[in-house]
Amino acid sequence: MITIEHPTAKVYSLYGHLSTRRHKITEGKVKKGQIIGYLADKDEDGSGDGYPDWGCHLHFAIRKGSRYDYPDDGDDRWMAGYTSVHPTELGWLDPTDFVKEHSQ
């Protein structure tokens, strides 16, 4: 999983199910158009081990603020997507709307 801070918009974006074996960004600034990673292969994304073959796919999400705004979510769960209330109540944004509003 990769998270990217977008300080001018005061949000973080999440990219899940990316390959751990192929090139991806580490720390530092990301430039517009830069490749940040590649989709995981079947053996990297949780397929098998009793789970169905999901096929290559991406989890993409945008959340207001930063991980420190959500201390109750824990270090590894602050960007988790399953919620007991509507996701917008927890700072999640509709990524389609966000991208449309911020594209140039």
Protein backbone atom coordinates (compact mmCIF):
# COMPACT_ATOMS: atom_id res chain seq x y z
CA MET A 1 0.00 0.00 0.00
CA ILE A 2 1.17 3.48 -0.82
CA THR A 3 -0.19 6.65 0.76
CA ILE A 4 0.53 10.07 -0.65
CA GLU A 5 0.01 13.34 1.18
CA HIS A 6 -1.56 16.14 -0.87
CA PRO A 7 -0.88 19.13 1.41
CA THR A 8 -2.54 21.78 -0.75
CA ALA A 9 -5.80 19.81 -0.71
CA LYS A 10 -5.28 18.60 2.89
CA VAL A 11 -5.94 14.97 1.99
CA TYR A 12 -4.12 11.67 1.66
CA SER A 13 -4.64 9.20 -1.16
CA LEU A 14 -4.28 5.45 -0.80
CA TYR A 15 -3.25 2.93 -3.45
CA GLY A 16 -3.61 -0.70 -2.43
CA HIS A 17 -2.73 -4.05 -4.02
CA LEU A 18 0.45 -2.78 -5.62
CA SER A 19 3.39 -5.05 -6.34
CA THR A 20 6.05 -5.35 -3.67
CA ARG A 21 8.53 -6.87 -6.16
CA ARG A 22 8.47 -4.24 -8.89
CA HIS A 23 9.51 -0.59 -8.85
CA LYS A 24 7.56 1.75 -6.65
CA ILE A 25 8.16 5.03 -4.92
CA THR A 26 9.73 5.16 -1.51
CA GLU A 27 9.79 8.37 0.48
CA GLY A 28 9.93 11.80 -1.04
CA LYS A 29 7.97 14.04 -3.34
CA VAL A 30 5.90 12.68 -6.22
CA LYS A 31 5.62 14.55 -9.49
CA LYS A 32 2.49 14.73 -11.64
CA GLY A 33 2.55 11.80 -14.07
CA GLN A 34 5.19 9.85 -12.13
CA ILE A 35 4.68 6.09 -11.89
CA ILE A 36 4.22 5.22 -8.22
CA GLY A 37 3.83 1.46 -8.58
CA TYR A 38 2.46 -1.48 -10.52
CA LEU A 39 -0.52 -3.72 -9.84
CA ALA A 40 0.30 -6.81 -7.81
CA ASP A 41 0.45 -10.20 -9.48
CA LYS A 42 -1.89 -12.96 -8.31
CA ASP A 43 0.62 -14.35 -5.85
CA GLU A 44 1.10 -10.92 -4.23
CA ASP A 45 -2.48 -9.69 -3.75
CA GLY A 46 -3.95 -12.30 -1.42
CA SER A 47 -5.37 -14.64 -4.07
CA GLY A 48 -5.00 -18.26 -3.11
CA ASP A 49 -4.49 -19.32 0.50
CA GLY A 50 -8.21 -20.12 0.62
CA TYR A 51 -9.24 -16.88 -1.11
CA PRO A 52 -10.61 -16.61 -4.64
CA ASP A 53 -8.63 -15.24 -7.57
CA TRP A 54 -9.49 -11.53 -7.42
CA GLY A 55 -7.69 -10.69 -10.63
CA CYS A 56 -5.41 -7.67 -10.79
CA HIS A 57 -7.12 -4.65 -9.27
CA LEU A 58 -6.42 -1.42 -7.44
CA HIS A 59 -7.87 -0.05 -4.21
CA PHE A 60 -7.93 3.74 -4.48
CA ALA A 61 -9.25 6.04 -1.78
CA ILE A 62 -8.98 9.63 -0.59
CA ARG A 63 -9.35 10.75 3.01
CA LYS A 64 -9.35 14.24 4.55
CA GLY A 65 -6.54 15.25 6.86
CA SER A 66 -3.73 12.92 7.85
CA ARG A 67 -3.25 9.67 9.72
CA TYR A 68 -2.78 11.66 12.93
CA ASP A 69 -6.35 12.95 12.63
CA TYR A 70 -7.60 9.38 13.23
CA PRO A 71 -5.76 8.08 16.32
CA ASP A 72 -8.43 5.49 17.16
CA ASP A 73 -7.83 3.67 13.87
CA GLY A 74 -4.36 2.45 14.90
CA ASP A 75 -1.16 2.72 12.92
CA ASP A 76 -2.01 0.03 10.37
CA ARG A 77 -5.75 0.68 10.11
CA TRP A 78 -6.01 4.46 9.64
CA MET A 79 -6.81 4.03 5.96
CA ALA A 80 -8.93 0.88 6.28
CA GLY A 81 -12.03 1.02 4.13
CA TYR A 82 -14.57 -0.97 6.14
CA THR A 83 -16.61 1.25 8.45
CA SER A 84 -19.62 0.86 10.74
CA VAL A 85 -20.96 4.28 9.68
CA HIS A 86 -21.12 6.02 6.33
CA PRO A 87 -17.52 6.56 5.16
CA THR A 88 -18.01 10.32 4.70
CA GLU A 89 -18.57 10.59 8.47
CA LEU A 90 -14.99 9.35 8.92
CA GLY A 91 -13.34 11.71 6.45
CA TRP A 92 -13.50 9.54 3.32
CA LEU A 93 -14.19 11.41 0.08
CA ASP A 94 -15.69 10.21 -3.18
CA PRO A 95 -12.52 9.79 -5.27
CA THR A 96 -14.31 10.39 -8.58
CA ASP A 97 -15.68 13.72 -7.36
CA PHE A 98 -12.33 14.70 -5.84
CA VAL A 99 -10.36 13.99 -9.02
CA LYS A 100 -12.88 15.87 -11.18
CA GLU A 101 -12.74 18.90 -8.87
CA HIS A 102 -8.91 18.95 -8.73
CA SER A 103 -7.96 18.00 -12.30
CA GLN A 104 -6.25 20.56 -14.48
